[in-house]
């Protein structure tokens, strides 16, 4: 019999066993689908007032054969939770994944969450067992995204030609920084962050916009510093001094060969000036200069976001997976 138990993330032995299940379950996927142990052992036990985290494990005797993760936002979208289930490859098709999801849904319901969201990953343009499993569990596809990967050699081969296109943004001043926003731009940065949910294509995902005060931004920055994550950021400053756009690349001290694009957003009032391209060039240049061993970056965009997909393809990003954003309402 397999038992489902809650895992204390501060118990390093239990957390390591949980992490190893996820690593094994995602080992065949392309790119970097699972964080390194040195990242997880720091990030998962860390206190975070932005979200609550519950870990569960499927235990058979003395072995962990399944792992589940539930996160709940604590500032906005209090009706939602994100659920993920992983099963060790040699123990699939035994009902373990179903039991993990059911337990995660119980925890979410007990916390008053009526909308559960999750993700499924497929080969580009293909199908897979994860989508069938999600539908069998009652989850609908709310949005489709493309997960893309960029090798830095491809980027460097294209960079100079793209810089000519980005010169359309020369009326704007582009500044860069590592994680901590300059004080004089903090309020305007928060205003732009508050637009994110309304400007990014969400499909049918039931998510509302958020408010980013200076205090909230500073707290978020400190959490990144505490776990050794660098948010290499480029910010476009309009002639009137306001923040017109922002983009970032995130690299962990424990894994400096790989990074991820975080957010990219341009204020609608400032679109049409190639700011998105200019900002991405600035962040990628900063990452290359800061991390000489950087090999690749990954990002994801909604398939309907044709403008951002065109920018990323021009930079050299290539699709490696299809991401299905899943949703189940009770």
Protein backbone atom coordinates (compact mmCIF):
# COMPACT_ATOMS: atom_id res chain seq x y z
CA UNK A 1 0.00 0.00 0.00
CA UNK A 2 1.19 3.51 -0.87
CA UNK A 3 0.63 6.14 1.81
CA UNK A 4 0.30 9.87 1.10
CA UNK A 5 2.10 11.99 3.67
CA UNK A 6 2.90 15.67 4.06
CA UNK A 7 6.60 16.48 3.75
CA UNK A 8 8.35 19.01 5.96
CA UNK A 9 10.60 21.04 3.62
CA UNK A 10 12.94 21.76 6.54
CA UNK A 11 13.62 18.02 6.89
CA UNK A 12 16.55 17.80 4.44
CA UNK A 13 16.42 14.02 4.07
CA UNK A 14 12.70 14.01 3.30
CA UNK A 15 13.04 17.01 1.00
CA UNK A 16 15.89 15.31 -0.87
CA UNK A 17 13.77 12.19 -1.42
CA UNK A 18 10.89 14.38 -2.65
CA UNK A 19 13.25 16.26 -4.96
CA UNK A 20 14.69 13.06 -6.41
CA UNK A 21 11.22 11.87 -7.45
CA UNK A 22 10.63 15.11 -9.35
CA UNK A 23 14.08 14.92 -10.93
CA UNK A 24 13.44 11.37 -12.13
CA UNK A 25 9.93 12.20 -13.37
CA UNK A 26 11.16 15.12 -15.49
CA UNK A 27 14.49 13.64 -16.63
CA UNK A 28 13.29 12.92 -20.18
CA UNK A 29 11.98 16.41 -20.84
CA UNK A 30 14.14 18.83 -22.84
CA UNK A 31 15.77 21.93 -21.40
CA UNK A 32 16.00 22.47 -17.65
CA UNK A 33 12.60 21.37 -16.33
CA UNK A 34 13.71 20.67 -12.74
CA UNK A 35 15.86 22.85 -10.46
CA UNK A 36 19.14 21.65 -9.06
CA UNK A 37 19.12 20.26 -5.53
CA UNK A 38 21.12 23.23 -4.30
CA UNK A 39 18.34 25.51 -5.54
CA UNK A 40 15.44 23.52 -4.10
CA UNK A 41 16.99 22.93 -0.68
CA UNK A 42 17.25 26.71 -0.22
CA UNK A 43 14.12 27.97 -1.97
CA UNK A 44 11.48 25.51 -0.77
CA UNK A 45 11.99 25.92 3.01
CA UNK A 46 12.37 29.71 2.74
CA UNK A 47 9.65 31.85 4.32
CA UNK A 48 7.61 33.68 1.70
CA UNK A 49 4.65 35.92 2.57
CA UNK A 50 3.63 35.88 -1.10
CA UNK A 51 2.69 32.21 -1.20
CA UNK A 52 2.00 29.14 0.90
CA UNK A 53 3.66 25.86 -0.10
CA UNK A 54 2.60 22.31 0.75
CA UNK A 55 4.67 19.27 -0.22
CA UNK A 56 3.32 15.74 -0.13
CA UNK A 57 4.92 12.40 -0.88
CA UNK A 58 3.64 8.98 -1.91
CA UNK A 59 5.46 6.52 0.35
CA UNK A 60 5.79 2.78 -0.35
CA UNK A 61 7.52 1.18 2.59
CA UNK A 62 10.65 3.27 3.05
CA UNK A 63 10.72 4.67 -0.50
CA UNK A 64 9.16 7.83 -1.91
CA UNK A 65 7.60 7.00 -5.27
CA UNK A 66 5.52 10.12 -5.88
CA UNK A 67 5.78 13.81 -5.07
CA UNK A 68 3.18 16.57 -4.99
CA UNK A 69 3.40 20.34 -4.69
CA UNK A 70 0.64 22.84 -3.93
CA UNK A 71 1.22 26.58 -3.91
CA UNK A 72 -1.32 29.26 -2.92
CA UNK A 73 -0.94 33.01 -3.45
CA UNK A 74 -1.42 35.00 -0.25
CA UNK A 75 -1.80 38.57 -1.54
CA UNK A 76 -4.30 38.31 -4.42
CA UNK A 77 -6.11 35.57 -6.37
CA UNK A 78 -6.99 33.98 -3.05
CA UNK A 79 -9.45 31.68 -4.80
CA UNK A 80 -6.65 29.89 -6.69
CA UNK A 81 -3.97 27.29 -6.08
CA UNK A 82 -1.36 25.59 -8.29
CA UNK A 83 -1.05 21.80 -8.07
CA UNK A 84 1.71 19.59 -9.47
CA UNK A 85 2.15 15.81 -9.22
CA UNK A 86 5.19 13.72 -10.13
CA UNK A 87 5.53 9.94 -10.15
CA UNK A 88 8.77 7.98 -10.32
CA UNK A 89 9.02 6.54 -13.85
CA UNK A 90 9.11 2.91 -12.67
CA UNK A 91 5.86 3.41 -10.71
CA UNK A 92 3.58 5.03 -13.27
CA UNK A 93 0.13 3.65 -14.16
CA UNK A 94 -0.51 2.50 -10.59
CA UNK A 95 -2.91 5.31 -9.64
CA UNK A 96 -0.26 7.16 -7.63
CA UNK A 97 -0.59 10.36 -9.65
CA UNK A 98 -4.35 10.38 -9.18
CA UNK A 99 -4.02 9.96 -5.41
CA UNK A 100 -1.50 12.80 -5.24
CA UNK A 101 -3.75 15.17 -7.19
CA UNK A 102 -6.79 14.24 -5.12
CA UNK A 103 -4.87 14.96 -1.91
CA UNK A 104 -3.62 18.29 -3.24
CA UNK A 105 -7.19 19.23 -4.13
CA UNK A 106 -8.32 18.38 -0.60
CA UNK A 107 -5.62 20.66 0.85
CA UNK A 108 -6.62 23.43 -1.56
CA UNK A 109 -10.31 23.12 -0.69
CA UNK A 110 -9.47 23.23 3.00
CA UNK A 111 -7.74 26.55 2.35
CA UNK A 112 -10.80 27.95 0.58
CA UNK A 113 -9.37 27.65 -2.93
CA UNK A 114 -12.07 27.01 -5.54
CA UNK A 115 -9.94 27.19 -8.69
CA UNK A 116 -7.04 24.78 -9.12
CA UNK A 117 -4.49 25.38 -11.85
CA UNK A 118 -1.73 23.14 -13.13
CA UNK A 119 0.48 22.46 -16.14
CA UNK A 120 1.04 19.69 -18.66
CA UNK A 121 4.00 19.43 -21.03
CA UNK A 122 3.94 17.99 -24.54
CA UNK A 123 6.35 17.67 -27.46
CA UNK A 124 5.97 20.69 -29.79
CA UNK A 125 2.74 20.23 -31.72
CA UNK A 126 2.26 16.75 -30.26
CA UNK A 127 0.20 14.93 -27.65
CA UNK A 128 1.13 13.08 -24.50
CA UNK A 129 -0.11 11.10 -21.53
CA UNK A 130 0.01 14.17 -19.29
CA UNK A 131 -2.79 15.87 -21.24
CA UNK A 132 -4.99 12.76 -21.11
CA UNK A 133 -4.36 12.42 -17.37
CA UNK A 134 -5.26 16.08 -16.77
CA UNK A 135 -8.53 15.75 -18.67
CA UNK A 136 -9.38 12.56 -16.79
CA UNK A 137 -8.90 14.50 -13.54
CA UNK A 138 -11.32 17.20 -14.71
CA UNK A 139 -8.83 19.87 -15.82
CA UNK A 140 -9.51 21.96 -18.91
CA UNK A 141 -6.88 23.60 -21.10
CA UNK A 142 -7.11 27.33 -20.32
CA UNK A 143 -4.10 28.49 -22.36
CA UNK A 144 -1.34 27.12 -24.56
CA UNK A 145 2.25 28.32 -24.39
CA UNK A 146 5.49 27.54 -26.18
CA UNK A 147 8.54 26.84 -24.03
CA UNK A 148 11.61 28.07 -25.88
CA UNK A 149 15.34 27.72 -25.40
CA UNK A 150 18.17 29.97 -26.59
CA UNK A 151 21.80 28.94 -26.79
CA UNK A 152 24.11 31.87 -26.17
CA UNK A 153 26.18 31.08 -29.25
CA UNK A 154 23.05 31.58 -31.40
CA UNK A 155 22.30 34.84 -29.62
CA UNK A 156 25.77 36.25 -30.10
CA UNK A 157 25.64 35.44 -33.82
CA UNK A 158 22.45 37.51 -34.20
CA UNK A 159 23.04 40.25 -31.66
CA UNK A 160 24.64 42.99 -33.79
CA UNK A 161 22.02 42.86 -36.54
CA UNK A 162 19.23 43.05 -33.96
CA UNK A 163 20.83 46.07 -32.32
CA UNK A 164 20.19 48.01 -35.54
CA UNK A 165 16.45 47.21 -35.29
CA UNK A 166 16.42 48.17 -31.61
CA UNK A 167 17.72 51.65 -32.45
CA UNK A 168 14.07 52.65 -32.90
CA UNK A 169 13.98 52.83 -29.11
CA UNK A 170 16.76 55.44 -28.90
CA UNK A 171 14.37 58.09 -27.56
CA UNK A 172 14.24 56.02 -24.36
CA UNK A 173 17.04 55.61 -21.83
CA UNK A 174 17.71 51.95 -20.96
CA UNK A 175 19.21 51.26 -17.55
CA UNK A 176 20.21 47.91 -16.08
CA UNK A 177 20.57 46.59 -12.53
CA UNK A 178 21.00 43.37 -10.59
CA UNK A 179 17.79 42.58 -8.66
CA UNK A 180 17.41 45.85 -6.71
CA UNK A 181 15.51 48.61 -8.50
CA UNK A 182 16.93 52.15 -8.18
CA UNK A 183 14.93 54.11 -5.62
CA UNK A 184 13.94 56.87 -8.04
CA UNK A 185 12.10 54.41 -10.30
CA UNK A 186 10.45 52.27 -7.63
CA UNK A 187 6.94 53.78 -7.73
CA UNK A 188 6.78 53.77 -11.52
CA UNK A 189 8.12 50.21 -11.62
CA UNK A 190 5.34 49.10 -9.28
CA UNK A 191 2.73 50.73 -11.52
CA UNK A 192 4.05 48.73 -14.48
CA UNK A 193 4.14 45.46 -12.52
CA UNK A 194 0.51 46.02 -11.62
CA UNK A 195 -0.36 45.94 -15.33
CA UNK A 196 1.17 42.52 -15.89
CA UNK A 197 -1.91 40.32 -15.52
CA UNK A 198 -4.04 42.61 -17.65
CA UNK A 199 -1.47 42.88 -20.46
CA UNK A 200 -0.15 39.30 -20.72
CA UNK A 201 -2.42 36.90 -22.67
CA UNK A 202 -3.98 34.60 -20.06
CA UNK A 203 -6.50 32.71 -22.15
CA UNK A 204 -9.18 31.39 -19.80
CA UNK A 205 -7.01 31.47 -16.67
CA UNK A 206 -8.97 32.99 -13.79
CA UNK A 207 -6.38 35.46 -12.50
CA UNK A 208 -6.73 39.09 -11.41
CA UNK A 209 -4.23 41.94 -11.45
CA UNK A 210 -2.07 42.72 -8.42
CA UNK A 211 -0.82 45.84 -6.68
CA UNK A 212 2.92 46.30 -6.21
CA UNK A 213 3.82 48.84 -3.56
CA UNK A 214 7.44 49.89 -2.99
CA UNK A 215 7.48 47.83 0.21
CA UNK A 216 6.28 44.73 -1.61
CA UNK A 217 8.90 45.15 -4.33
CA UNK A 218 11.70 45.55 -1.77
CA UNK A 219 10.55 42.45 0.12
CA UNK A 220 10.49 40.43 -3.11
CA UNK A 221 13.98 41.64 -4.01
CA UNK A 222 15.33 40.60 -0.62
CA UNK A 223 13.88 37.11 -1.01
CA UNK A 224 15.70 36.74 -4.32
CA UNK A 225 18.95 37.87 -2.71
CA UNK A 226 18.45 35.47 0.20
CA UNK A 227 18.16 32.41 -2.08
CA UNK A 228 21.05 33.45 -4.32
CA UNK A 229 18.98 34.39 -7.37
CA UNK A 230 20.03 37.34 -9.52
CA UNK A 231 17.35 39.17 -11.49
CA UNK A 232 19.33 40.88 -14.22
CA UNK A 233 16.94 43.66 -15.19
CA UNK A 234 16.68 46.22 -18.00
CA UNK A 235 14.31 49.14 -17.62
CA UNK A 236 13.27 51.64 -20.30
CA UNK A 237 12.89 55.20 -19.02
CA UNK A 238 10.63 57.49 -21.04
CA UNK A 239 11.55 61.14 -21.70
CA UNK A 240 9.18 62.16 -18.87
CA UNK A 241 11.09 59.92 -16.43
CA UNK A 242 8.46 57.18 -16.10
CA UNK A 243 9.19 53.48 -16.51
CA UNK A 244 7.98 52.55 -20.00
CA UNK A 245 9.03 48.90 -20.03
CA UNK A 246 10.98 46.24 -18.18
CA UNK A 247 12.46 42.82 -18.85
CA UNK A 248 14.68 40.49 -16.85
CA UNK A 249 16.82 37.36 -16.95
CA UNK A 250 17.17 35.26 -13.79
CA UNK A 251 20.27 33.25 -12.91
CA UNK A 252 20.96 31.34 -9.69
CA UNK A 253 24.37 31.31 -8.05
CA UNK A 254 24.09 27.52 -7.81
CA UNK A 255 23.50 27.05 -11.56
CA UNK A 256 25.26 29.84 -13.48
CA UNK A 257 25.25 27.95 -16.78
CA UNK A 258 21.48 28.33 -17.23
CA UNK A 259 18.99 31.16 -16.84
CA UNK A 260 15.34 31.97 -17.35
CA UNK A 261 13.57 35.00 -18.74
CA UNK A 262 11.24 36.34 -16.05
CA UNK A 263 8.91 39.13 -17.11
CA UNK A 264 8.81 41.37 -20.15
CA UNK A 265 6.23 44.14 -20.29
CA UNK A 266 5.94 47.43 -22.16
CA UNK A 267 3.42 50.09 -21.14
CA UNK A 268 0.74 50.20 -23.91
CA UNK A 269 1.29 53.95 -24.17
CA UNK A 270 4.88 53.32 -25.27
CA UNK A 271 4.49 50.47 -27.72
CA UNK A 272 5.61 50.64 -31.33
CA UNK A 273 9.19 51.75 -30.57
CA UNK A 274 10.89 48.30 -30.46
CA UNK A 275 11.24 48.63 -26.70
CA UNK A 276 10.66 44.92 -26.13
CA UNK A 277 13.57 44.03 -28.39
CA UNK A 278 15.81 46.75 -26.91
CA UNK A 279 15.08 45.56 -23.36
CA UNK A 280 15.73 41.92 -24.20
CA UNK A 281 19.01 42.78 -25.87
CA UNK A 282 20.04 44.70 -22.77
CA UNK A 283 19.19 41.86 -20.36
CA UNK A 284 20.83 39.23 -22.52
CA UNK A 285 23.96 41.36 -22.91
CA UNK A 286 24.07 41.87 -19.15
CA UNK A 287 23.68 38.14 -18.48
CA UNK A 288 26.43 37.26 -20.97
CA UNK A 289 28.78 39.84 -19.45
CA UNK A 290 28.04 38.76 -15.88
CA UNK A 291 28.10 34.97 -16.38
CA UNK A 292 30.88 33.86 -18.75
CA UNK A 293 29.83 30.21 -18.33
CA UNK A 294 26.21 30.87 -19.32
CA UNK A 295 25.12 28.26 -21.88
CA UNK A 296 21.41 28.80 -22.46
CA UNK A 297 18.27 30.65 -21.44
CA UNK A 298 14.66 29.55 -21.55
CA UNK A 299 11.37 31.38 -21.71
CA UNK A 300 7.69 30.72 -22.38
CA UNK A 301 5.01 32.70 -24.17
CA UNK A 302 1.36 32.20 -25.00
CA UNK A 303 1.02 30.89 -28.55
CA UNK A 304 -1.34 33.79 -29.32
CA UNK A 305 1.27 36.37 -28.26
CA UNK A 306 2.55 36.78 -31.80
CA UNK A 307 4.55 39.95 -31.08
CA UNK A 308 6.61 38.48 -28.24
CA UNK A 309 7.05 35.19 -30.07
CA UNK A 310 8.45 37.10 -33.06
CA UNK A 311 10.92 38.95 -30.82
CA UNK A 312 12.08 35.73 -29.19
CA UNK A 313 12.47 33.93 -32.51
CA UNK A 314 14.54 36.85 -33.83
CA UNK A 315 16.81 36.49 -30.79
CA UNK A 316 17.29 32.81 -31.62
CA UNK A 317 14.85 31.06 -29.27
CA UNK A 318 13.48 27.75 -30.53
CA UNK A 319 10.44 25.86 -29.23
CA UNK A 320 11.31 22.74 -27.26
CA UNK A 321 7.95 21.97 -25.59
CA UNK A 322 4.30 22.91 -25.57
CA UNK A 323 2.95 23.97 -22.18
CA UNK A 324 -0.74 23.50 -21.45
CA UNK A 325 -2.03 25.81 -18.70
CA UNK A 326 -4.72 23.77 -16.95
CA UNK A 327 -7.64 24.84 -14.79
CA UNK A 328 -10.35 23.16 -12.74
CA UNK A 329 -13.14 25.03 -10.98
CA UNK A 330 -15.17 23.54 -8.18
